[in-house]
Amino acid sequence: MSGARELVVHAEAFGDGGVRRVHDMATTPDDRGVPDHPLVIQELRLGSLAPYMLLPMGGNPYATDLIGEYWSSVRDLVKATLLREGARGAAGGSGRPGQ
């Protein structure tokens, strides 16, 4: 990725996505067609998650394979960004708008 583009892994209201705030999960479940994990929903109902905590979209925090089952939304976001930036570089673009 070039210095022309930054990726901010944060709720889309503040960054590029990949994660959601717990209070958003409570008010807008299964946002963007990505189902919230049942164990996260259970903890949400119990009140054991801090409202401003960020969790990967659809992730299972109790998974034995955290890379594949918890961080997948973040990994997909990073991969898509790298592929997009790589395509711009291969096309001779600087990655900056208008250049």
N, C-alpha and C. Protein backbone atom coordinates (compact mmCIF):
# COMPACT_ATOMS: atom_id res chain seq x y z
N MET A 1 0.85 -1.16 0.00
CA MET A 1 0.00 0.00 0.00
C MET A 1 0.90 1.23 0.00
N SER A 2 0.56 2.20 -0.82
CA SER A 2 1.37 3.41 -0.88
C SER A 2 1.03 4.33 0.27
N GLY A 3 1.87 5.34 0.47
CA GLY A 3 1.62 6.33 1.52
C GLY A 3 0.44 7.22 1.20
N ALA A 4 -0.12 7.10 0.00
CA ALA A 4 -1.22 7.96 -0.42
C ALA A 4 -2.54 7.52 0.20
N ARG A 5 -2.60 6.33 0.75
CA ARG A 5 -3.87 5.81 1.27
C ARG A 5 -3.64 5.17 2.62
N GLU A 6 -4.49 5.49 3.57
CA GLU A 6 -4.45 4.87 4.88
C GLU A 6 -5.70 4.02 5.04
N LEU A 7 -5.58 2.98 5.80
CA LEU A 7 -6.70 2.13 6.13
C LEU A 7 -6.94 2.26 7.63
N VAL A 8 -8.14 2.68 8.00
CA VAL A 8 -8.48 2.84 9.41
C VAL A 8 -9.52 1.77 9.75
N VAL A 9 -9.09 0.75 10.49
CA VAL A 9 -10.00 -0.31 10.92
C VAL A 9 -10.75 0.22 12.12
N HIS A 10 -11.98 0.62 11.86
CA HIS A 10 -12.85 1.20 12.89
C HIS A 10 -14.27 1.17 12.34
N ALA A 11 -15.24 1.37 13.18
CA ALA A 11 -16.63 1.43 12.73
C ALA A 11 -16.72 2.43 11.58
N GLU A 12 -17.58 2.13 10.59
CA GLU A 12 -17.65 2.97 9.40
C GLU A 12 -17.96 4.43 9.67
N ALA A 13 -18.57 4.74 10.78
CA ALA A 13 -18.84 6.14 11.12
C ALA A 13 -17.54 6.91 11.36
N PHE A 14 -16.46 6.18 11.67
CA PHE A 14 -15.19 6.82 12.00
C PHE A 14 -14.02 6.34 11.15
N GLY A 15 -14.20 5.26 10.43
CA GLY A 15 -13.10 4.69 9.66
C GLY A 15 -13.60 3.90 8.47
N ASP A 16 -12.84 2.88 8.09
CA ASP A 16 -13.13 2.11 6.89
C ASP A 16 -13.93 0.84 7.14
N GLY A 17 -14.33 0.59 8.37
CA GLY A 17 -15.15 -0.58 8.66
C GLY A 17 -14.34 -1.76 9.15
N GLY A 18 -14.95 -2.95 9.00
CA GLY A 18 -14.33 -4.18 9.46
C GLY A 18 -14.72 -4.56 10.87
N VAL A 19 -15.12 -3.57 11.66
CA VAL A 19 -15.54 -3.80 13.04
C VAL A 19 -16.80 -2.98 13.32
N ARG A 20 -17.49 -3.38 14.39
CA ARG A 20 -18.69 -2.64 14.83
C ARG A 20 -18.60 -2.38 16.31
N ARG A 21 -19.22 -1.27 16.72
CA ARG A 21 -19.32 -0.96 18.15
C ARG A 21 -20.47 -1.77 18.74
N VAL A 22 -20.29 -2.19 19.98
CA VAL A 22 -21.29 -3.00 20.66
C VAL A 22 -22.63 -2.28 20.71
N HIS A 23 -22.64 -0.98 20.99
CA HIS A 23 -23.93 -0.28 21.07
C HIS A 23 -24.63 -0.25 19.71
N ASP A 24 -23.88 -0.28 18.61
CA ASP A 24 -24.51 -0.36 17.28
C ASP A 24 -25.10 -1.74 17.05
N MET A 25 -24.46 -2.76 17.58
CA MET A 25 -25.01 -4.12 17.46
C MET A 25 -26.35 -4.22 18.17
N ALA A 26 -26.47 -3.51 19.29
CA ALA A 26 -27.71 -3.54 20.06
C ALA A 26 -28.85 -2.84 19.32
N THR A 27 -28.53 -1.73 18.64
CA THR A 27 -29.58 -0.96 17.96
C THR A 27 -29.82 -1.40 16.53
N THR A 28 -28.79 -1.96 15.87
CA THR A 28 -28.92 -2.38 14.48
C THR A 28 -28.29 -3.77 14.32
N PRO A 29 -28.98 -4.81 14.75
CA PRO A 29 -28.42 -6.15 14.64
C PRO A 29 -28.21 -6.56 13.17
N ASP A 30 -27.21 -7.40 12.95
CA ASP A 30 -26.95 -7.96 11.62
C ASP A 30 -26.82 -6.89 10.54
N ASP A 31 -26.13 -5.82 10.88
CA ASP A 31 -25.95 -4.70 9.94
C ASP A 31 -25.25 -5.16 8.67
N ARG A 32 -25.67 -4.61 7.54
CA ARG A 32 -25.09 -4.88 6.22
C ARG A 32 -25.16 -6.36 5.84
N GLY A 33 -26.16 -7.06 6.39
CA GLY A 33 -26.36 -8.46 6.05
C GLY A 33 -25.35 -9.41 6.68
N VAL A 34 -24.51 -8.90 7.58
CA VAL A 34 -23.54 -9.75 8.27
C VAL A 34 -24.13 -10.10 9.63
N PRO A 35 -24.50 -11.36 9.82
CA PRO A 35 -25.10 -11.73 11.11
C PRO A 35 -24.11 -11.62 12.26
N ASP A 36 -24.57 -11.02 13.35
CA ASP A 36 -23.76 -10.97 14.56
C ASP A 36 -23.68 -12.39 15.12
N HIS A 37 -22.52 -12.76 15.63
CA HIS A 37 -22.34 -14.11 16.15
C HIS A 37 -23.27 -14.34 17.35
N PRO A 38 -23.90 -15.52 17.44
CA PRO A 38 -24.83 -15.80 18.55
C PRO A 38 -24.22 -15.62 19.94
N LEU A 39 -22.94 -15.96 20.10
CA LEU A 39 -22.32 -15.79 21.42
C LEU A 39 -22.14 -14.31 21.76
N VAL A 40 -21.90 -13.48 20.75
CA VAL A 40 -21.80 -12.04 20.98
C VAL A 40 -23.17 -11.49 21.35
N ILE A 41 -24.19 -11.95 20.66
CA ILE A 41 -25.57 -11.52 20.97
C ILE A 41 -25.92 -11.90 22.40
N GLN A 42 -25.55 -13.11 22.80
CA GLN A 42 -25.83 -13.56 24.17
C GLN A 42 -25.14 -12.66 25.20
N GLU A 43 -23.87 -12.34 24.95
CA GLU A 43 -23.15 -11.46 25.88
C GLU A 43 -23.73 -10.05 25.86
N LEU A 44 -24.17 -9.62 24.72
CA LEU A 44 -24.81 -8.30 24.59
C LEU A 44 -26.06 -8.24 25.47
N ARG A 45 -26.87 -9.28 25.41
CA ARG A 45 -28.09 -9.34 26.22
C ARG A 45 -27.79 -9.40 27.71
N LEU A 46 -26.67 -10.02 28.07
CA LEU A 46 -26.28 -10.11 29.48
C LEU A 46 -25.68 -8.81 30.00
N GLY A 47 -25.33 -7.92 29.06
CA GLY A 47 -24.73 -6.65 29.45
C GLY A 47 -23.26 -6.75 29.82
N SER A 48 -22.60 -7.80 29.35
CA SER A 48 -21.20 -8.01 29.72
C SER A 48 -20.19 -7.38 28.77
N LEU A 49 -20.67 -6.70 27.73
CA LEU A 49 -19.78 -6.03 26.78
C LEU A 49 -19.90 -4.52 26.94
N ALA A 50 -18.78 -3.85 26.98
CA ALA A 50 -18.78 -2.38 27.07
C ALA A 50 -19.40 -1.79 25.80
N PRO A 51 -20.25 -0.78 25.91
CA PRO A 51 -20.95 -0.23 24.75
C PRO A 51 -20.04 0.26 23.62
N TYR A 52 -18.88 0.80 23.95
CA TYR A 52 -18.03 1.34 22.89
C TYR A 52 -16.93 0.38 22.45
N MET A 53 -17.04 -0.87 22.91
CA MET A 53 -16.09 -1.91 22.50
C MET A 53 -16.26 -2.18 21.00
N LEU A 54 -15.16 -2.41 20.30
CA LEU A 54 -15.20 -2.72 18.88
C LEU A 54 -14.97 -4.21 18.69
N LEU A 55 -15.84 -4.84 17.89
CA LEU A 55 -15.71 -6.26 17.59
C LEU A 55 -15.73 -6.46 16.08
N PRO A 56 -14.92 -7.40 15.56
CA PRO A 56 -14.99 -7.70 14.13
C PRO A 56 -16.40 -8.14 13.74
N MET A 57 -16.85 -7.70 12.60
CA MET A 57 -18.20 -8.02 12.13
C MET A 57 -18.38 -9.52 11.97
N GLY A 58 -19.38 -10.08 12.65
CA GLY A 58 -19.69 -11.50 12.55
C GLY A 58 -18.71 -12.41 13.26
N GLY A 59 -17.74 -11.84 13.96
CA GLY A 59 -16.68 -12.64 14.57
C GLY A 59 -17.10 -13.40 15.81
N ASN A 60 -16.48 -14.55 16.01
CA ASN A 60 -16.71 -15.38 17.18
C ASN A 60 -15.52 -15.23 18.12
N PRO A 61 -15.66 -14.48 19.21
CA PRO A 61 -14.54 -14.24 20.11
C PRO A 61 -14.06 -15.49 20.85
N TYR A 62 -14.83 -16.58 20.79
CA TYR A 62 -14.46 -17.82 21.47
C TYR A 62 -13.93 -18.87 20.50
N ALA A 63 -13.71 -18.50 19.26
CA ALA A 63 -13.26 -19.44 18.25
C ALA A 63 -11.87 -19.98 18.58
N THR A 64 -11.64 -21.23 18.22
CA THR A 64 -10.29 -21.78 18.37
C THR A 64 -9.39 -21.27 17.25
N ASP A 65 -9.99 -20.91 16.11
CA ASP A 65 -9.26 -20.34 14.98
C ASP A 65 -9.62 -18.85 14.89
N LEU A 66 -8.95 -18.02 15.69
CA LEU A 66 -9.27 -16.60 15.73
C LEU A 66 -9.02 -15.91 14.38
N ILE A 67 -8.01 -16.36 13.66
CA ILE A 67 -7.72 -15.74 12.36
C ILE A 67 -8.88 -15.94 11.39
N GLY A 68 -9.39 -17.15 11.32
CA GLY A 68 -10.45 -17.46 10.36
C GLY A 68 -11.86 -17.16 10.84
N GLU A 69 -12.09 -17.28 12.15
CA GLU A 69 -13.45 -17.17 12.65
C GLU A 69 -13.75 -15.89 13.44
N TYR A 70 -12.71 -15.14 13.78
CA TYR A 70 -12.95 -13.90 14.53
C TYR A 70 -12.53 -12.68 13.71
N TRP A 71 -11.35 -12.72 13.14
CA TRP A 71 -10.80 -11.56 12.44
C TRP A 71 -11.13 -11.53 10.95
N SER A 72 -12.00 -12.38 10.45
CA SER A 72 -12.21 -12.48 9.00
C SER A 72 -12.69 -11.17 8.37
N SER A 73 -13.56 -10.42 9.03
CA SER A 73 -14.03 -9.16 8.43
C SER A 73 -12.90 -8.14 8.29
N VAL A 74 -12.00 -8.13 9.25
CA VAL A 74 -10.85 -7.21 9.19
C VAL A 74 -9.88 -7.69 8.11
N ARG A 75 -9.63 -8.98 8.05
CA ARG A 75 -8.73 -9.53 7.03
C ARG A 75 -9.27 -9.28 5.63
N ASP A 76 -10.59 -9.44 5.44
CA ASP A 76 -11.19 -9.18 4.13
C ASP A 76 -11.04 -7.72 3.73
N LEU A 77 -11.22 -6.82 4.68
CA LEU A 77 -11.08 -5.39 4.42
C LEU A 77 -9.64 -5.05 4.02
N VAL A 78 -8.69 -5.57 4.75
CA VAL A 78 -7.28 -5.31 4.44
C VAL A 78 -6.93 -5.89 3.07
N LYS A 79 -7.37 -7.10 2.80
CA LYS A 79 -7.08 -7.74 1.51
C LYS A 79 -7.66 -6.93 0.36
N ALA A 80 -8.92 -6.52 0.47
CA ALA A 80 -9.56 -5.74 -0.59
C ALA A 80 -8.83 -4.42 -0.83
N THR A 81 -8.40 -3.79 0.25
CA THR A 81 -7.68 -2.52 0.13
C THR A 81 -6.34 -2.73 -0.55
N LEU A 82 -5.61 -3.75 -0.16
CA LEU A 82 -4.30 -4.03 -0.78
C LEU A 82 -4.45 -4.37 -2.26
N LEU A 83 -5.46 -5.16 -2.60
CA LEU A 83 -5.67 -5.51 -4.01
C LEU A 83 -6.05 -4.29 -4.83
N ARG A 84 -6.89 -3.43 -4.26
CA ARG A 84 -7.30 -2.20 -4.94
C ARG A 84 -6.10 -1.28 -5.15
N GLU A 85 -5.29 -1.11 -4.12
CA GLU A 85 -4.10 -0.26 -4.22
C GLU A 85 -3.08 -0.86 -5.18
N GLY A 86 -2.95 -2.19 -5.17
CA GLY A 86 -2.03 -2.85 -6.09
C GLY A 86 -2.44 -2.66 -7.53
N ALA A 87 -3.76 -2.71 -7.79
CA ALA A 87 -4.26 -2.50 -9.15
C ALA A 87 -3.99 -1.08 -9.61
N ARG A 88 -4.12 -0.13 -8.72
CA ARG A 88 -3.83 1.27 -9.07
C ARG A 88 -2.35 1.44 -9.41
N GLY A 89 -1.49 0.81 -8.61
CA GLY A 89 -0.06 0.91 -8.85
C GLY A 89 0.32 0.25 -10.16
N ALA A 90 -0.30 -0.89 -10.48
CA ALA A 90 0.00 -1.60 -11.72
C ALA A 90 -0.47 -0.79 -12.93
N ALA A 91 -1.51 0.02 -12.74
CA ALA A 91 -2.03 0.83 -13.84
C ALA A 91 -1.24 2.13 -13.99
N GLY A 92 -0.26 2.33 -13.12
CA GLY A 92 0.57 3.54 -13.22
C GLY A 92 0.03 4.73 -12.46
N GLY A 93 -1.03 4.53 -11.70
CA GLY A 93 -1.59 5.63 -10.92
C GLY A 93 -0.84 5.84 -9.63
N SER A 94 -0.90 7.02 -9.12
CA SER A 94 -0.22 7.34 -7.86
C SER A 94 -1.04 6.94 -6.65
N GLY A 95 -2.33 6.62 -6.88
CA GLY A 95 -3.21 6.35 -5.77
C GLY A 95 -3.85 7.62 -5.23
N ARG A 96 -3.44 8.76 -5.76
CA ARG A 96 -4.01 10.04 -5.33
C ARG A 96 -5.09 10.45 -6.30
N PRO A 97 -6.19 10.98 -5.80
CA PRO A 97 -7.27 11.41 -6.68
C PRO A 97 -6.77 12.44 -7.69
N GLY A 98 -7.20 12.25 -8.94
CA GLY A 98 -6.88 13.22 -9.98
C GLY A 98 -5.48 13.06 -10.58
N GLN A 99 -4.75 12.04 -10.15
CA GLN A 99 -3.39 11.84 -10.70
C GLN A 99 -3.25 10.49 -11.31
